[in-house]
Amino acid sequence: MLMQKFQVFGKKSFSFLETEFGFKCHLLADGILRYETEDVFVLVGYDGRRSYELTLDLGQKEHQQNEHLILGKSYEARKLLKI
């Protein structure tokens, strides 16, 4: 139930990435939203089972990929804010 609410609320809350910055939502799964452009990605995560934390990772895409995603090195927003 929490994961479904996260998907609805998260998609609505981060829709500005699509409308204002040209990102596309490439993954909408349990606790994960991944938005991408040609070069970069934003990964929004929600831990609805343990800590209830919301995480935000930013990264540059690389050519390496798995079944669903083009992978890349990512940086946690909370660590970037410490800089």
C-alpha atoms as a PDB file:
ATOM      1  CA  MET A   1       0.000   0.000   0.000  1.00  0.00           C
ATOM      2  CA  LEU A   2       2.780   2.466   0.904  1.00  0.00           C
ATOM      3  CA  MET A   3       4.667   1.650  -2.280  1.00  0.00           C
ATOM      4  CA  GLN A   4       1.598   2.341  -4.414  1.00  0.00           C
ATOM      5  CA  LYS A   5       1.111   5.666  -2.648  1.00  0.00           C
ATOM      6  CA  PHE A   6       4.777   6.493  -3.214  1.00  0.00           C
ATOM      7  CA  GLN A   7       4.448   5.784  -6.933  1.00  0.00           C
ATOM      8  CA  VAL A   8       1.440   8.085  -7.282  1.00  0.00           C
ATOM      9  CA  PHE A   9       2.775  10.842  -5.016  1.00  0.00           C
ATOM     10  CA  GLY A  10       6.346  10.548  -6.315  1.00  0.00           C
ATOM     11  CA  LYS A  11       5.326  10.676  -9.971  1.00  0.00           C
ATOM     12  CA  LYS A  12       3.204  13.759  -9.292  1.00  0.00           C
ATOM     13  CA  SER A  13       5.875  15.462  -7.148  1.00  0.00           C
ATOM     14  CA  PHE A  14       8.709  14.915  -9.613  1.00  0.00           C
ATOM     15  CA  SER A  15       6.708  15.550 -12.790  1.00  0.00           C
ATOM     16  CA  PHE A  16       8.542  18.888 -13.115  1.00  0.00           C
ATOM     17  CA  LEU A  17      11.576  16.875 -14.285  1.00  0.00           C
ATOM     18  CA  GLU A  18       9.547  15.830 -17.322  1.00  0.00           C
ATOM     19  CA  THR A  19       7.676  19.065 -18.002  1.00  0.00           C
ATOM     20  CA  GLU A  20      10.454  21.566 -17.317  1.00  0.00           C
ATOM     21  CA  PHE A  21      13.718  19.714 -17.921  1.00  0.00           C
ATOM     22  CA  GLY A  22      12.983  17.090 -20.575  1.00  0.00           C
ATOM     23  CA  PHE A  23      13.496  13.989 -18.446  1.00  0.00           C
ATOM     24  CA  LYS A  24      11.479  10.833 -19.089  1.00  0.00           C
ATOM     25  CA  CYS A  25      10.408   8.370 -16.434  1.00  0.00           C
ATOM     26  CA  HIS A  26      12.179   5.119 -17.390  1.00  0.00           C
ATOM     27  CA  LEU A  27      11.438   3.110 -14.288  1.00  0.00           C
ATOM     28  CA  LEU A  28       8.482   3.103 -11.956  1.00  0.00           C
ATOM     29  CA  ALA A  29       8.791   0.172  -9.554  1.00  0.00           C
ATOM     30  CA  ASP A  30       8.353  -0.615  -5.876  1.00  0.00           C
ATOM     31  CA  GLY A  31       9.979   2.300  -4.128  1.00  0.00           C
ATOM     32  CA  ILE A  32      11.923   3.522  -7.169  1.00  0.00           C
ATOM     33  CA  LEU A  33      11.411   6.254  -9.735  1.00  0.00           C
ATOM     34  CA  ARG A  34      14.144   6.752 -12.333  1.00  0.00           C
ATOM     35  CA  TYR A  35      14.127   9.727 -14.658  1.00  0.00           C
ATOM     36  CA  GLU A  36      16.588  10.061 -17.530  1.00  0.00           C
ATOM     37  CA  THR A  37      17.747  12.351 -20.275  1.00  0.00           C
ATOM     38  CA  GLU A  38      20.306  11.341 -22.886  1.00  0.00           C
ATOM     39  CA  ASP A  39      23.176  12.077 -20.525  1.00  0.00           C
ATOM     40  CA  VAL A  40      22.018  12.060 -16.900  1.00  0.00           C
ATOM     41  CA  PHE A  41      19.621  10.322 -14.528  1.00  0.00           C
ATOM     42  CA  VAL A  42      17.782  11.074 -11.306  1.00  0.00           C
ATOM     43  CA  LEU A  43      16.879   8.153  -9.085  1.00  0.00           C
ATOM     44  CA  VAL A  44      14.279   8.716  -6.369  1.00  0.00           C
ATOM     45  CA  GLY A  45      13.969   5.927  -3.841  1.00  0.00           C
ATOM     46  CA  TYR A  46      11.653   5.281  -0.940  1.00  0.00           C
ATOM     47  CA  ASP A  47      12.332   2.713   1.776  1.00  0.00           C
ATOM     48  CA  GLY A  48       8.776   1.913   2.798  1.00  0.00           C
ATOM     49  CA  ARG A  49       9.723  -1.235   4.690  1.00  0.00           C
ATOM     50  CA  ARG A  50      12.330  -0.106   7.219  1.00  0.00           C
ATOM     51  CA  SER A  51      13.440   3.509   7.574  1.00  0.00           C
ATOM     52  CA  TYR A  52      10.784   5.280   5.468  1.00  0.00           C
ATOM     53  CA  GLU A  53      13.591   7.428   4.069  1.00  0.00           C
ATOM     54  CA  LEU A  54      13.417   9.167   0.739  1.00  0.00           C
ATOM     55  CA  THR A  55      16.680   9.110  -1.223  1.00  0.00           C
ATOM     56  CA  LEU A  56      17.746  11.078  -4.259  1.00  0.00           C
ATOM     57  CA  ASP A  57      20.694  10.057  -6.430  1.00  0.00           C
ATOM     58  CA  LEU A  58      22.036  12.007  -9.403  1.00  0.00           C
ATOM     59  CA  GLY A  59      24.372  10.637 -12.005  1.00  0.00           C
ATOM     60  CA  GLN A  60      25.792  10.650 -15.485  1.00  0.00           C
ATOM     61  CA  LYS A  61      24.800   7.757 -17.707  1.00  0.00           C
ATOM     62  CA  GLU A  62      27.406   5.401 -19.116  1.00  0.00           C
ATOM     63  CA  HIS A  63      27.174   2.920 -21.946  1.00  0.00           C
ATOM     64  CA  GLN A  64      27.190  -0.071 -19.627  1.00  0.00           C
ATOM     65  CA  GLN A  65      23.709  -1.440 -18.994  1.00  0.00           C
ATOM     66  CA  ASN A  66      21.803  -4.240 -17.353  1.00  0.00           C
ATOM     67  CA  GLU A  67      18.434  -5.664 -18.415  1.00  0.00           C
ATOM     68  CA  HIS A  68      16.483  -2.466 -17.798  1.00  0.00           C
ATOM     69  CA  LEU A  69      18.777   0.488 -17.239  1.00  0.00           C
ATOM     70  CA  ILE A  70      21.775   2.273 -18.588  1.00  0.00           C
ATOM     71  CA  LEU A  71      24.055   2.378 -15.591  1.00  0.00           C
ATOM     72  CA  GLY A  72      26.261   5.184 -14.395  1.00  0.00           C
ATOM     73  CA  LYS A  73      28.063   6.511 -11.369  1.00  0.00           C
ATOM     74  CA  SER A  74      25.629   8.181  -9.023  1.00  0.00           C
ATOM     75  CA  TYR A  75      25.916  10.607  -6.152  1.00  0.00           C
ATOM     76  CA  GLU A  76      23.581  10.799  -3.179  1.00  0.00           C
ATOM     77  CA  ALA A  77      22.003  14.239  -2.833  1.00  0.00           C
ATOM     78  CA  ARG A  78      22.619  14.277   0.927  1.00  0.00           C
ATOM     79  CA  LYS A  79      26.365  13.877   0.318  1.00  0.00           C
ATOM     80  CA  LEU A  80      26.359  16.590  -2.340  1.00  0.00           C
ATOM     81  CA  LEU A  81      24.651  18.972   0.081  1.00  0.00           C
ATOM     82  CA  LYS A  82      27.495  18.465   2.581  1.00  0.00           C
ATOM     83  CA  ILE A  83      30.040  19.793   0.071  1.00  0.00           C
END
